[in-house]
């Protein structure tokens, strides 16, 4: 199967498969309500800074598709949603466009549709610096997402099995490119040990891409008609756990982005309480765009951001950055996991911010 046809299969499966079977873990997190917010909502902002980039709000239309001529219109519609909502948009892996220049238009349409928006290029950790520069130039991109997808690759009959140079390649890209580099997992999450390694490479942000959202192991399994048990389909670190592990070791110079089953504005608020500067959402926005149209997707994003603003006020905070000091109660399996891993969950609950 060619890379181009595989991209089409990925989109078809992403549109029909549910999240999971892993649970993202947000049910184990509870924000402490503030009954005396002492704020006028007119003074509450959703603006944020992530990877050194000033953003109007924290919702990223995350990497999903591209790499086939038939996907040009899909990315064009997503770019229209991003343009009308001031959302960052990250494209899917652009490696296919390096192999097959005729599909580059499925990515270039994003910049053509949204000439002044914030757009993130995307390539795998196997890429060379030259590859990375080419995909950034293809979009006049503001940043580069480098994706980590070992579990997906190993699930594909035609997948790559050599992951031996990823960390070095990431560092080479981070040190050489003129734009920020963001490293993103693709549904299996990041543990604190690997986050610590990545933080030393010169990157500007990590997107933990935890288990509980779009499941590329399930997509590959459905695409090939194979059967896997739920424990294999649910492989990975739940998103809430991964975000908290990352937050425990990230230095101030490396920002946290959370994706993987972030579905509601309350989920997003919990991410900000952990310390995230932004959240990524992909499949829900794509489904709305493809099944109900651009207008519906635009309204959904606008409502999502407006609700974040209201919830920020309800916590008595004037900005998203302030939420990282707000009390967050962590219970259940997430608390058990973090305690076993040496992370103090009580300090989150006892913050006075």
Protein backbone atom coordinates (compact mmCIF):
# COMPACT_ATOMS: atom_id res chain seq x y z
CA UNK A 1 0.00 0.00 0.00
CA UNK A 2 1.35 3.44 -0.91
CA UNK A 3 1.79 6.22 1.63
CA UNK A 4 -0.84 8.25 -0.26
CA UNK A 5 -3.54 5.58 -0.04
CA UNK A 6 -2.67 4.99 3.60
CA UNK A 7 -3.41 8.64 4.37
CA UNK A 8 -6.87 8.26 2.88
CA UNK A 9 -7.47 5.16 4.99
CA UNK A 10 -6.38 7.02 8.12
CA UNK A 11 -8.95 9.74 7.50
CA UNK A 12 -11.76 7.27 6.79
CA UNK A 13 -11.07 5.34 10.00
CA UNK A 14 -10.60 8.48 12.12
CA UNK A 15 -14.04 9.68 11.07
CA UNK A 16 -15.80 6.49 12.19
CA UNK A 17 -13.82 5.12 15.15
CA UNK A 18 -14.58 6.18 18.71
CA UNK A 19 -11.99 7.34 21.23
CA UNK A 20 -10.30 4.74 23.39
CA UNK A 21 -10.57 2.03 24.60
CA UNK A 22 -8.17 3.71 27.04
CA UNK A 23 -9.65 6.44 29.22
CA UNK A 24 -7.94 9.83 29.12
CA UNK A 25 -8.26 10.12 32.90
CA UNK A 26 -9.83 13.56 33.19
CA UNK A 27 -12.57 12.11 35.41
CA UNK A 28 -9.95 11.71 38.15
CA UNK A 29 -9.29 15.47 38.17
CA UNK A 30 -11.58 18.03 39.84
CA UNK A 31 -11.17 21.80 39.81
CA UNK A 32 -12.10 23.54 43.06
CA UNK A 33 -14.89 26.06 42.43
CA UNK A 34 -14.43 29.68 43.53
CA UNK A 35 -17.71 31.18 44.77
CA UNK A 36 -16.13 34.66 45.05
CA UNK A 37 -14.39 35.23 41.71
CA UNK A 38 -14.19 39.01 42.27
CA UNK A 39 -13.83 39.61 38.53
CA UNK A 40 -15.63 41.22 35.61
CA UNK A 41 -15.68 38.75 32.75
CA UNK A 42 -14.81 41.62 30.40
CA UNK A 43 -11.36 41.57 31.99
CA UNK A 44 -10.79 37.85 31.38
CA UNK A 45 -8.57 36.88 28.44
CA UNK A 46 -8.05 33.59 26.64
CA UNK A 47 -4.76 34.71 25.10
CA UNK A 48 -1.73 32.52 25.69
CA UNK A 49 1.89 32.17 24.67
CA UNK A 50 3.05 28.73 23.54
CA UNK A 51 6.47 27.78 22.15
CA UNK A 52 7.24 31.48 22.01
CA UNK A 53 4.22 32.23 19.83
CA UNK A 54 1.47 34.62 20.92
CA UNK A 55 -1.94 32.97 20.41
CA UNK A 56 -5.42 34.49 20.61
CA UNK A 57 -6.69 31.42 22.43
CA UNK A 58 -5.35 28.00 23.51
CA UNK A 59 -7.24 25.66 21.17
CA UNK A 60 -5.09 24.01 18.48
CA UNK A 61 -6.66 22.20 15.53
CA UNK A 62 -4.18 19.39 15.85
CA UNK A 63 -2.36 17.32 13.23
CA UNK A 64 -4.53 14.82 11.39
CA UNK A 65 -4.39 14.69 7.60
CA UNK A 66 -2.80 15.51 4.25
CA UNK A 67 -0.58 13.62 1.83
CA UNK A 68 -3.02 12.74 -0.95
CA UNK A 69 -4.59 14.90 -3.65
CA UNK A 70 -8.05 13.84 -2.44
CA UNK A 71 -7.29 15.39 0.96
CA UNK A 72 -6.70 18.89 -0.41
CA UNK A 73 -10.30 19.94 0.11
CA UNK A 74 -10.35 18.43 3.61
CA UNK A 75 -7.35 20.47 4.71
CA UNK A 76 -8.77 23.50 2.96
CA UNK A 77 -11.95 23.28 5.01
CA UNK A 78 -10.02 22.83 8.25
CA UNK A 79 -7.89 25.84 7.34
CA UNK A 80 -11.06 27.86 6.82
CA UNK A 81 -12.23 26.88 10.31
CA UNK A 82 -8.84 27.90 11.72
CA UNK A 83 -8.92 31.21 9.87
CA UNK A 84 -12.40 32.13 11.07
CA UNK A 85 -11.70 31.18 14.69
CA UNK A 86 -8.09 32.41 15.05
CA UNK A 87 -7.04 28.85 15.90
CA UNK A 88 -3.59 27.41 15.36
CA UNK A 89 -3.69 24.62 12.78
CA UNK A 90 -1.17 21.79 12.58
CA UNK A 91 -1.14 19.68 9.43
CA UNK A 92 -0.57 15.94 9.27
CA UNK A 93 2.78 14.41 8.39
CA UNK A 94 4.22 16.05 5.28
CA UNK A 95 6.70 13.30 4.44
CA UNK A 96 4.46 12.09 1.62
CA UNK A 97 4.89 15.49 -0.05
CA UNK A 98 8.67 15.07 0.05
CA UNK A 99 8.36 11.68 -1.65
CA UNK A 100 5.58 12.69 -4.03
CA UNK A 101 5.66 16.41 -4.90
CA UNK A 102 2.29 16.13 -6.61
CA UNK A 103 0.56 15.86 -3.20
CA UNK A 104 2.21 18.98 -1.75
CA UNK A 105 -0.92 20.92 -2.67
CA UNK A 106 -2.86 19.02 0.01
CA UNK A 107 -0.70 20.90 2.53
CA UNK A 108 -0.06 24.18 0.73
CA UNK A 109 -3.81 24.79 0.60
CA UNK A 110 -3.67 25.49 4.35
CA UNK A 111 -1.44 28.54 3.92
CA UNK A 112 -3.29 29.60 0.77
CA UNK A 113 -6.58 29.55 2.68
CA UNK A 114 -5.20 31.17 5.83
CA UNK A 115 -2.35 33.45 4.70
CA UNK A 116 -1.85 35.25 8.02
CA UNK A 117 -2.77 32.48 10.46
CA UNK A 118 -0.52 30.45 12.75
CA UNK A 119 0.29 27.17 11.02
CA UNK A 120 2.49 24.33 12.23
CA UNK A 121 4.29 22.01 9.85
CA UNK A 122 4.64 18.32 10.73
CA UNK A 123 7.15 15.53 10.16
CA UNK A 124 8.34 12.40 11.96
CA UNK A 125 11.31 12.14 14.29
CA UNK A 126 13.13 10.10 11.63
CA UNK A 127 13.47 13.22 9.43
CA UNK A 128 16.71 14.99 8.59
CA UNK A 129 17.27 18.70 9.09
CA UNK A 130 16.89 19.18 5.34
CA UNK A 131 13.54 17.35 5.39
CA UNK A 132 12.41 19.56 8.26
CA UNK A 133 13.42 22.76 6.52
CA UNK A 134 11.57 21.72 3.38
CA UNK A 135 8.27 21.02 5.16
CA UNK A 136 8.50 24.31 7.07
CA UNK A 137 9.17 26.19 3.83
CA UNK A 138 6.29 24.37 2.12
CA UNK A 139 3.82 26.15 4.43
CA UNK A 140 5.81 29.20 5.49
CA UNK A 141 5.10 27.57 8.86
CA UNK A 142 5.36 29.33 12.21
CA UNK A 143 6.55 26.17 14.01
CA UNK A 144 7.33 22.51 13.37
CA UNK A 145 5.62 19.59 15.08
CA UNK A 146 7.83 16.51 15.19
CA UNK A 147 5.64 13.49 15.80
CA UNK A 148 6.52 10.35 17.75
CA UNK A 149 4.54 7.34 16.54
CA UNK A 150 6.51 4.19 17.35
CA UNK A 151 3.37 2.27 18.36
CA UNK A 152 1.62 3.21 15.12
CA UNK A 153 4.63 2.30 12.98
CA UNK A 154 5.03 -1.07 14.65
CA UNK A 155 1.29 -1.72 14.10
CA UNK A 156 1.58 -1.22 10.33
CA UNK A 157 2.67 -4.12 8.11
CA UNK A 158 4.60 -1.56 6.04
CA UNK A 159 5.75 0.48 9.05
CA UNK A 160 9.28 1.50 9.98
CA UNK A 161 10.96 -0.50 12.74
CA UNK A 162 14.07 1.62 13.27
CA UNK A 163 13.66 4.20 16.04
CA UNK A 164 17.32 4.30 17.03
CA UNK A 165 18.19 7.87 16.03
CA UNK A 166 15.06 9.80 16.99
CA UNK A 167 16.43 11.79 19.92
CA UNK A 168 19.51 12.88 17.99
CA UNK A 169 17.42 13.87 14.97
CA UNK A 170 15.08 15.92 17.16
CA UNK A 171 18.01 17.78 18.67
CA UNK A 172 19.48 18.46 15.22
CA UNK A 173 16.17 19.92 14.06
CA UNK A 174 15.68 21.99 17.20
CA UNK A 175 19.18 23.45 16.98
CA UNK A 176 19.05 24.14 13.23
CA UNK A 177 15.58 25.42 12.35
CA UNK A 178 14.58 29.11 12.46
CA UNK A 179 11.15 28.23 13.92
CA UNK A 180 10.20 26.60 17.25
CA UNK A 181 10.17 22.80 17.35
CA UNK A 182 7.36 21.04 19.22
CA UNK A 183 7.54 17.29 19.86
CA UNK A 184 4.20 15.49 19.82
CA UNK A 185 3.19 11.95 20.74
CA UNK A 186 0.35 10.49 18.70
CA UNK A 187 -1.87 8.73 21.21
CA UNK A 188 0.36 6.76 23.59
CA UNK A 189 1.55 9.57 25.83
CA UNK A 190 4.93 10.60 27.24
CA UNK A 191 6.51 9.46 30.50
CA UNK A 192 8.53 11.84 32.65
CA UNK A 193 11.80 10.09 31.76
CA UNK A 194 11.39 10.76 28.04
CA UNK A 195 10.04 14.27 28.65
CA UNK A 196 13.21 15.02 30.59
CA UNK A 197 15.31 13.75 27.67
CA UNK A 198 13.35 15.79 25.14
CA UNK A 199 13.56 18.94 27.23
CA UNK A 200 17.33 18.87 26.84
CA UNK A 201 17.29 18.96 23.04
CA UNK A 202 16.42 22.61 22.52
CA UNK A 203 12.74 22.10 21.68
CA UNK A 204 10.20 24.73 22.77
CA UNK A 205 7.23 22.53 23.72
CA UNK A 206 5.99 18.98 24.14
CA UNK A 207 2.48 17.80 23.26
CA UNK A 208 1.98 14.69 25.37
CA UNK A 209 -0.59 13.17 22.96
CA UNK A 210 -1.84 10.73 25.56
CA UNK A 211 -4.02 7.64 25.41
CA UNK A 212 -7.77 8.19 25.49
CA UNK A 213 -8.42 10.10 22.28
CA UNK A 214 -7.86 9.24 18.62
CA UNK A 215 -6.21 5.82 18.61
CA UNK A 216 -3.81 5.18 15.74
CA UNK A 217 -3.21 1.59 16.85
CA UNK A 218 -6.96 1.04 16.44
CA UNK A 219 -6.90 2.89 13.11
CA UNK A 220 -4.10 0.67 11.79
CA UNK A 221 -5.83 -2.44 13.10
CA UNK A 222 -9.13 -1.51 11.44
CA UNK A 223 -7.33 -0.54 8.22
CA UNK A 224 -5.69 -3.95 7.90
CA UNK A 225 -8.64 -6.00 9.15
CA UNK A 226 -6.67 -7.53 12.02
CA UNK A 227 -7.93 -8.15 15.55
CA UNK A 228 -6.25 -6.97 18.75
CA UNK A 229 -7.26 -7.40 22.37
CA UNK A 230 -8.38 -4.33 24.31
CA UNK A 231 -5.21 -4.29 26.39
CA UNK A 232 -3.14 -3.86 23.21
CA UNK A 233 -5.61 -1.39 21.71
CA UNK A 234 -5.47 0.55 24.97
CA UNK A 235 -1.67 0.67 25.09
CA UNK A 236 -0.19 3.88 26.38
CA UNK A 237 -0.22 6.41 29.20
CA UNK A 238 -3.57 8.10 29.89
CA UNK A 239 -3.52 11.75 28.88
CA UNK A 240 -4.10 13.18 32.36
CA UNK A 241 -1.32 11.04 33.80
CA UNK A 242 1.07 11.91 30.99
CA UNK A 243 0.38 15.63 31.37
CA UNK A 244 1.05 15.49 35.11
CA UNK A 245 4.25 13.47 34.60
CA UNK A 246 5.45 15.99 32.02
CA UNK A 247 4.60 18.96 34.23
CA UNK A 248 6.68 17.45 37.02
CA UNK A 249 9.92 17.66 35.02
CA UNK A 250 9.54 20.33 32.34
CA UNK A 251 11.80 23.37 32.72
CA UNK A 252 10.27 26.85 32.27
CA UNK A 253 11.75 27.16 28.77
CA UNK A 254 9.73 24.19 27.45
CA UNK A 255 5.96 24.58 27.32
CA UNK A 256 3.33 21.91 27.88
CA UNK A 257 0.59 21.16 25.34
CA UNK A 258 -2.01 18.51 26.11
CA UNK A 259 -3.93 16.43 23.57
CA UNK A 260 -5.47 12.98 23.50
CA UNK A 261 -9.12 12.88 24.51
CA UNK A 262 -9.39 16.56 25.44
CA UNK A 263 -13.02 16.85 24.47
CA UNK A 264 -14.81 19.41 26.66
CA UNK A 265 -13.89 22.89 27.87
CA UNK A 266 -13.74 21.47 31.40
CA UNK A 267 -11.14 18.94 30.18
CA UNK A 268 -9.16 21.86 28.79
CA UNK A 269 -9.39 23.77 32.08
CA UNK A 270 -7.97 20.78 33.93
CA UNK A 271 -5.05 20.81 31.48
CA UNK A 272 -4.41 24.49 32.22
CA UNK A 273 -4.47 23.70 35.95
CA UNK A 274 -1.74 21.13 35.30
CA UNK A 275 0.26 23.83 33.54
CA UNK A 276 -0.60 23.49 29.85
CA UNK A 277 -0.28 26.54 27.63
CA UNK A 278 -2.57 25.06 24.97
CA UNK A 279 -4.68 22.01 24.15
CA UNK A 280 -4.94 20.09 20.90
CA UNK A 281 -8.15 18.71 19.40
CA UNK A 282 -8.27 16.93 16.05
CA UNK A 283 -10.88 14.27 15.29
CA UNK A 284 -13.96 16.05 16.76
CA UNK A 285 -13.31 19.16 14.67
CA UNK A 286 -12.61 17.12 11.56
CA UNK A 287 -15.82 15.11 12.02
CA UNK A 288 -17.88 18.27 12.41
CA UNK A 289 -16.26 19.87 9.37
CA UNK A 290 -16.71 16.84 7.13
CA UNK A 291 -20.13 15.70 8.34
CA UNK A 292 -21.88 18.97 9.19
CA UNK A 293 -19.88 21.63 7.40
CA UNK A 294 -17.46 24.46 8.08
CA UNK A 295 -20.08 26.72 9.66
CA UNK A 296 -20.96 24.15 12.32
CA UNK A 297 -17.30 23.55 13.11
CA UNK A 298 -16.65 27.29 13.39
CA UNK A 299 -19.53 27.68 15.84
CA UNK A 300 -18.27 24.72 17.87
CA UNK A 301 -14.76 26.17 18.20
CA UNK A 302 -16.12 29.62 19.06
CA UNK A 303 -18.41 28.16 21.73
CA UNK A 304 -15.53 26.08 23.12
CA UNK A 305 -13.28 29.12 23.51
CA UNK A 306 -16.12 31.23 24.95
CA UNK A 307 -16.80 28.53 27.55
CA UNK A 308 -13.11 28.44 28.50
CA UNK A 309 -13.34 32.18 29.15
CA UNK A 310 -16.41 31.75 31.37
CA UNK A 311 -14.80 28.91 33.30
CA UNK A 312 -11.64 30.96 33.80
CA UNK A 313 -13.77 33.67 35.41
CA UNK A 314 -15.54 31.05 37.57
CA UNK A 315 -12.18 30.09 39.03
CA UNK A 316 -11.49 33.72 39.86
CA UNK A 317 -8.73 34.02 37.29
CA UNK A 318 -8.16 36.72 34.69
CA UNK A 319 -5.90 34.65 32.42
CA UNK A 320 -5.12 31.05 31.55
CA UNK A 321 -1.62 31.32 33.02
CA UNK A 322 -3.13 31.99 36.46
CA UNK A 323 -5.03 28.69 36.38
CA UNK A 324 -1.78 26.76 36.86
CA UNK A 325 -1.83 27.86 40.52
CA UNK A 326 -5.48 26.91 41.14
CA UNK A 327 -6.33 23.96 43.43
CA UNK A 328 -6.79 20.69 41.54
CA UNK A 329 -7.92 17.53 43.33
CA UNK A 330 -6.45 14.33 41.86
CA UNK A 331 -8.08 11.02 42.83
CA UNK A 332 -8.59 7.47 41.58
CA UNK A 333 -6.23 5.56 39.33
CA UNK A 334 -4.45 8.78 38.34
CA UNK A 335 -3.56 9.57 41.96
CA UNK A 336 -2.42 5.99 42.53
CA UNK A 337 -0.22 6.08 39.44
CA UNK A 338 1.37 9.44 40.28
CA UNK A 339 2.02 8.46 43.89
CA UNK A 340 3.73 5.27 42.75
CA UNK A 341 5.84 7.37 40.39
CA UNK A 342 6.93 9.73 43.16
CA UNK A 343 4.76 12.73 42.24
CA UNK A 344 3.04 14.52 45.14
CA UNK A 345 -0.66 14.86 44.28
CA UNK A 346 -1.56 16.64 47.53
CA UNK A 347 0.38 19.75 46.59
CA UNK A 348 -2.05 20.29 43.67
CA UNK A 349 -5.06 20.13 46.00
CA UNK A 350 -3.53 22.49 48.55
CA UNK A 351 -2.48 25.29 46.22
CA UNK A 352 -3.90 28.62 47.30
CA UNK A 353 -3.72 30.32 43.89
